[in-house]
Every structure is written in C-alpha cells, then in structure tokens.
Amino acid sequence: MGTWQWDISSDHVVWSEGVFDLHGRQPENFEGTVESALADAHPDDRDAVARAIQATLQEGAPFQAEYRCVRPDGRTVWLESKARCIRDGEGKPQRLVGVCMDITRRKQREQDHARVASIVASSTDAIIGKTVAGIVTSWNVGAERLFGYSAGEMIGQSIEVIVPRSGAMRCARFSTRLRAVSVCGALRPCACARTGNGSIYRSASARSAMPTVGSWRR
C-alpha cells in the first residue's frame, strides 16, 4: 500500500515509495502529473478513473476507483485508490490526498465466484447451495426443473423440504462433515430427495467442487 497527493492548481502529483512499487515504476520515470499517473491504467479503465476524479472535484463525492494497472514489466494488477478532497475556505478544491492498494487477489476471487455462479446458473443438473445448518442459499434452473420448486420457494427454506425423513440423518451427517473440509473438498450429497409432487427418487452419485453445494442428476 502507498499514499499519494495531487496539488490541483499546479497539477503536481506526489507518490510514496509504496505507490511506485505498486505501479512497478521508478521515480525518474514519473513526471509527477495526473496524465503520467494515469498512464499505467488499462485503456478500458482510464476514462472511469478520470470521471471519478471529476466527480470528486465537481460534486464533492469521495474519490474511489478500482482499475487495472499495466506495469512496465507487462504484468497487470488490480489497484484500488481512495482519496479525500481538501478545499479552501470558499469550497474550492485544493488537493486530493489518498491511498492506493493492491486488490488483485480480491478481484481474482470475485471473478472465480462469478464464473462458478454462471456455471451453476446455466447447468442442467440440479445444483443447490446451502448453509451448514441446512438452509438453502441458491437454487438453480436445474433444481427448479428436477424438484418442481422455484428458487423463490426454496431459498431460505430447509433442505429437508426435499430430503425425505429416512434421509434426514444422512443429510445431517453431510452437514456436519461440511464444517471440517476446505473449499476444495469434495463430498457426496444425500442420495435421495423428494420432488414437489411428493415422489422420491435416488440420485446418481455426484461430487461437488464446493462443499456447500450439492448436485443431483436423475
């Protein structure tokens, strides 16, 4: 993490050593202007950062921007920058004082979660997410088709709505085991389930890449 400030009237930008490290640049290669500061921003993100700066200056909104930084070594990292605006007695912006930090890992997690969510949403298999207490947290189209309940009907309900009484103990043991495994663990979900019309069937064996998600197939 590093700190920075921008004197607006002189267009002079000062970076701390931490900001230079984040950008992978040396002080002698930095001109100390906003244009030079934004030069590393990914072309697709640069305008959004500029708009955020203008919103802070013109509307008084807190400055906050997340953007990709393309370093001189070719590596692309995600950075988050936040700042407060210092104004004079008449309310005119004088300078921005802020911090900058690397959020690459957080962005990668968000992208991974979005990718998994997309797979779950589009899968023809019934994929159900639940808490360790057995409360349904996600219910995809495949689950709606297979069990006959909509997502609106099932999210927030107990998984026992679809687990027959004879399978309740097995489901409880499954939930207990969930507490002891990592996100990369693989567990076999309950073997039988009950559909919305009351029929009971035994599912094909399946394993999940996420321990809080069960997958069923006919």
Protein backbone atom coordinates (compact mmCIF):
# COMPACT_ATOMS: atom_id res chain seq x y z
CA MET A 1 0.00 0.00 0.00
CA GLY A 2 1.13 3.55 -0.65
CA THR A 3 0.00 7.15 -0.31
CA TRP A 4 -0.29 9.94 -2.85
CA GLN A 5 -1.40 13.52 -3.19
CA TRP A 6 -2.24 15.85 -6.02
CA ASP A 7 -1.91 19.63 -5.87
CA ILE A 8 -4.66 20.66 -8.25
CA SER A 9 -3.56 24.19 -9.14
CA SER A 10 -0.03 23.13 -10.10
CA ASP A 11 -1.05 19.65 -11.35
CA HIS A 12 1.76 18.19 -9.24
CA VAL A 13 1.35 14.57 -8.11
CA VAL A 14 3.49 13.06 -5.35
CA TRP A 15 3.74 9.29 -4.90
CA SER A 16 5.14 7.47 -1.89
CA GLU A 17 7.58 4.61 -2.39
CA GLY A 18 4.69 2.17 -1.94
CA VAL A 19 2.80 3.59 -4.92
CA PHE A 20 5.90 3.36 -7.10
CA ASP A 21 6.22 -0.29 -6.06
CA LEU A 22 2.56 -0.98 -6.92
CA HIS A 23 2.99 0.56 -10.37
CA GLY A 24 6.40 -1.05 -10.91
CA ARG A 25 7.92 2.30 -11.79
CA GLN A 26 10.96 4.29 -10.77
CA PRO A 27 10.76 7.96 -9.63
CA GLU A 28 12.94 9.10 -12.52
CA ASN A 29 10.34 7.74 -14.95
CA PHE A 30 7.44 9.60 -13.34
CA GLU A 31 6.65 13.13 -14.50
CA GLY A 32 4.54 13.97 -11.45
CA THR A 33 1.36 14.89 -13.33
CA VAL A 34 -2.13 13.39 -13.42
CA GLU A 35 -1.53 12.37 -17.03
CA SER A 36 1.59 10.49 -16.00
CA ALA A 37 -0.21 8.94 -13.03
CA LEU A 38 -2.99 7.63 -15.27
CA ALA A 39 -0.64 6.38 -17.97
CA ASP A 40 -0.40 2.94 -16.34
CA ALA A 41 -4.16 2.48 -16.09
CA HIS A 42 -5.60 -0.06 -18.50
CA PRO A 43 -7.06 1.78 -21.52
CA ASP A 44 -10.50 0.34 -20.77
CA ASP A 45 -10.38 1.69 -17.20
CA ARG A 46 -8.70 5.06 -17.70
CA ASP A 47 -11.83 7.05 -18.53
CA ALA A 48 -13.67 5.66 -15.49
CA VAL A 49 -10.84 6.80 -13.20
CA ALA A 50 -10.84 10.27 -14.81
CA ARG A 51 -14.62 10.52 -14.35
CA ALA A 52 -14.29 9.57 -10.68
CA ILE A 53 -11.75 12.34 -10.20
CA GLN A 54 -14.04 14.88 -11.86
CA ALA A 55 -16.99 13.75 -9.75
CA THR A 56 -14.91 14.39 -6.63
CA LEU A 57 -13.84 17.85 -7.76
CA GLN A 58 -17.23 18.99 -9.08
CA GLU A 59 -19.71 17.18 -6.85
CA GLY A 60 -17.74 16.60 -3.68
CA ALA A 61 -18.14 12.82 -3.88
CA PRO A 62 -15.43 10.79 -2.12
CA PHE A 63 -12.86 9.57 -4.63
CA GLN A 64 -12.74 5.80 -5.06
CA ALA A 65 -11.65 3.87 -8.11
CA GLU A 66 -10.75 0.27 -8.92
CA TYR A 67 -8.72 -0.20 -12.07
CA ARG A 68 -6.22 -2.43 -13.79
CA CYS A 69 -2.65 -1.19 -13.80
CA VAL A 70 -0.42 -2.35 -16.65
CA ARG A 71 3.10 -2.31 -15.23
CA PRO A 72 6.21 -1.69 -17.35
CA ASP A 73 7.20 -5.36 -16.89
CA GLY A 74 3.97 -6.37 -18.65
CA ARG A 75 2.21 -7.63 -15.51
CA THR A 76 -1.35 -6.44 -14.94
CA VAL A 77 -2.55 -5.89 -11.37
CA TRP A 78 -5.77 -4.55 -9.90
CA LEU A 79 -5.41 -1.42 -7.77
CA GLU A 80 -7.86 0.48 -5.60
CA SER A 81 -7.34 4.16 -4.93
CA LYS A 82 -9.24 6.27 -2.41
CA ALA A 83 -8.84 9.95 -1.54
CA ARG A 84 -10.36 12.90 0.24
CA CYS A 85 -10.53 16.36 -1.23
CA ILE A 86 -9.03 19.29 0.68
CA ARG A 87 -10.84 22.57 -0.05
CA ASP A 88 -10.20 26.20 0.80
CA GLY A 89 -12.50 28.48 2.78
CA GLU A 90 -14.62 29.10 -0.29
CA GLY A 91 -15.04 25.41 -1.00
CA LYS A 92 -12.68 25.38 -3.96
CA PRO A 93 -10.75 22.08 -4.35
CA GLN A 94 -7.07 22.49 -3.44
CA ARG A 95 -5.67 18.99 -3.42
CA LEU A 96 -6.50 15.29 -3.18
CA VAL A 97 -4.83 13.16 -0.52
CA GLY A 98 -5.22 9.44 -0.88
CA VAL A 99 -4.03 5.85 -0.59
CA CYS A 100 -3.51 3.11 -3.16
CA MET A 101 -3.52 -0.65 -2.57
CA ASP A 102 -3.25 -3.92 -4.50
CA ILE A 103 -6.61 -5.74 -4.73
CA THR A 104 -5.59 -8.32 -7.33
CA ARG A 105 -6.35 -11.34 -5.12
CA ARG A 106 -9.77 -9.98 -4.19
CA LYS A 107 -10.61 -9.38 -7.86
CA GLN A 108 -9.49 -12.89 -8.76
CA ARG A 109 -11.77 -14.33 -6.07
CA GLU A 110 -14.67 -12.23 -7.36
CA GLN A 111 -14.05 -13.43 -10.91
CA ASP A 112 -13.81 -17.06 -9.75
CA HIS A 113 -17.08 -16.75 -7.84
CA ALA A 114 -18.78 -15.12 -10.83
CA ARG A 115 -17.55 -17.91 -13.10
CA VAL A 116 -18.83 -20.61 -10.73
CA ALA A 117 -22.15 -18.77 -10.36
CA SER A 118 -22.51 -18.65 -14.14
CA ILE A 119 -21.83 -22.38 -14.42
CA VAL A 120 -24.31 -23.17 -11.65
CA ALA A 121 -27.00 -20.93 -13.15
CA SER A 122 -26.73 -22.48 -16.61
CA SER A 123 -26.24 -26.13 -15.59
CA THR A 124 -28.94 -28.64 -16.46
CA ASP A 125 -28.02 -30.56 -13.30
CA ALA A 126 -29.78 -29.61 -10.08
CA ILE A 127 -27.17 -27.67 -8.09
CA ILE A 128 -28.16 -26.45 -4.66
CA GLY A 129 -26.18 -24.31 -2.22
CA LYS A 130 -26.92 -24.44 1.50
CA THR A 131 -25.52 -23.42 4.86
CA VAL A 132 -24.13 -25.97 7.30
CA ALA A 133 -27.46 -25.65 9.12
CA GLY A 134 -29.23 -26.91 6.02
CA ILE A 135 -30.77 -23.62 4.85
CA VAL A 136 -30.92 -23.32 1.06
CA THR A 137 -28.94 -20.34 -0.24
CA SER A 138 -29.01 -21.00 -4.00
CA TRP A 139 -31.29 -23.00 -6.29
CA ASN A 140 -30.54 -23.14 -9.99
CA VAL A 141 -32.77 -23.76 -13.01
CA GLY A 142 -31.83 -27.44 -12.98
CA ALA A 143 -33.10 -27.73 -9.41
CA GLU A 144 -36.34 -25.99 -10.35
CA ARG A 145 -36.85 -28.42 -13.21
CA LEU A 146 -35.95 -31.53 -11.21
CA PHE A 147 -37.67 -30.86 -7.90
CA GLY A 148 -40.59 -28.72 -9.06
CA TYR A 149 -39.91 -25.84 -6.66
CA SER A 150 -38.90 -22.37 -7.82
CA ALA A 151 -35.88 -20.55 -6.40
CA GLY A 152 -38.23 -18.12 -4.68
CA GLU A 153 -39.97 -21.00 -2.93
CA MET A 154 -36.79 -22.74 -1.77
CA ILE A 155 -34.17 -20.11 -0.93
CA GLY A 156 -34.29 -19.56 2.82
CA GLN A 157 -36.04 -22.87 3.41
CA SER A 158 -34.59 -26.01 4.99
CA ILE A 159 -33.03 -28.60 2.68
CA GLU A 160 -35.32 -31.11 4.41
CA VAL A 161 -38.12 -29.88 2.18
CA ILE A 162 -36.63 -32.17 -0.46
CA VAL A 163 -34.92 -34.69 1.84
CA PRO A 164 -37.32 -37.42 2.99
CA ARG A 165 -37.42 -38.32 6.67
CA SER A 166 -35.48 -41.52 6.03
CA GLY A 167 -32.60 -39.42 4.68
CA ALA A 168 -32.59 -36.74 7.37
CA MET A 169 -29.81 -38.34 9.43
CA ARG A 170 -27.65 -38.77 6.35
CA CYS A 171 -28.16 -35.13 5.43
CA ALA A 172 -27.28 -34.10 9.00
CA ARG A 173 -24.07 -36.12 8.83
CA PHE A 174 -23.30 -34.47 5.49
CA SER A 175 -23.77 -31.04 7.04
CA THR A 176 -21.53 -31.95 9.98
CA ARG A 177 -18.78 -33.06 7.61
CA LEU A 178 -19.03 -29.76 5.76
CA ARG A 179 -17.61 -27.95 8.79
CA ALA A 180 -14.37 -29.93 8.54
CA VAL A 181 -13.49 -29.55 4.88
CA SER A 182 -11.92 -26.78 2.86
CA VAL A 183 -13.43 -25.08 -0.17
CA CYS A 184 -11.56 -27.52 -2.37
CA GLY A 185 -13.04 -30.57 -0.64
CA ALA A 186 -15.38 -33.00 -2.39
CA LEU A 187 -18.29 -34.69 -0.65
CA ARG A 188 -21.09 -36.96 -1.75
CA PRO A 189 -24.51 -35.33 -1.26
CA CYS A 190 -27.59 -37.03 0.15
CA ALA A 191 -28.55 -39.96 -2.03
CA CYS A 192 -32.31 -39.46 -2.11
CA ALA A 193 -34.59 -36.49 -2.45
CA ARG A 194 -38.26 -35.62 -2.68
CA THR A 195 -39.78 -33.67 -5.57
CA GLY A 196 -42.56 -31.12 -5.35
CA ASN A 197 -45.18 -33.71 -6.31
CA GLY A 198 -44.15 -35.93 -3.41
CA SER A 199 -42.30 -38.61 -5.36
CA ILE A 200 -38.98 -39.86 -4.01
CA TYR A 201 -36.03 -40.98 -6.09
CA ARG A 202 -32.42 -41.96 -5.55
CA SER A 203 -29.95 -39.66 -7.24
CA ALA A 204 -26.94 -40.69 -9.24
CA SER A 205 -23.76 -40.30 -7.21
CA ALA A 206 -22.16 -36.90 -7.70
CA ARG A 207 -19.37 -34.89 -6.19
CA SER A 208 -19.15 -31.15 -5.75
CA ALA A 209 -16.12 -28.89 -6.10
CA MET A 210 -17.69 -26.68 -3.44
CA PRO A 211 -18.64 -28.42 -0.16
CA THR A 212 -21.69 -26.25 0.39
CA VAL A 213 -23.15 -27.21 -2.96
CA GLY A 214 -24.90 -30.48 -3.79
CA SER A 215 -25.53 -31.73 -7.31
CA TRP A 216 -28.27 -34.11 -8.34
CA ARG A 217 -28.96 -35.96 -11.57
CA ARG A 218 -31.75 -38.34 -12.44
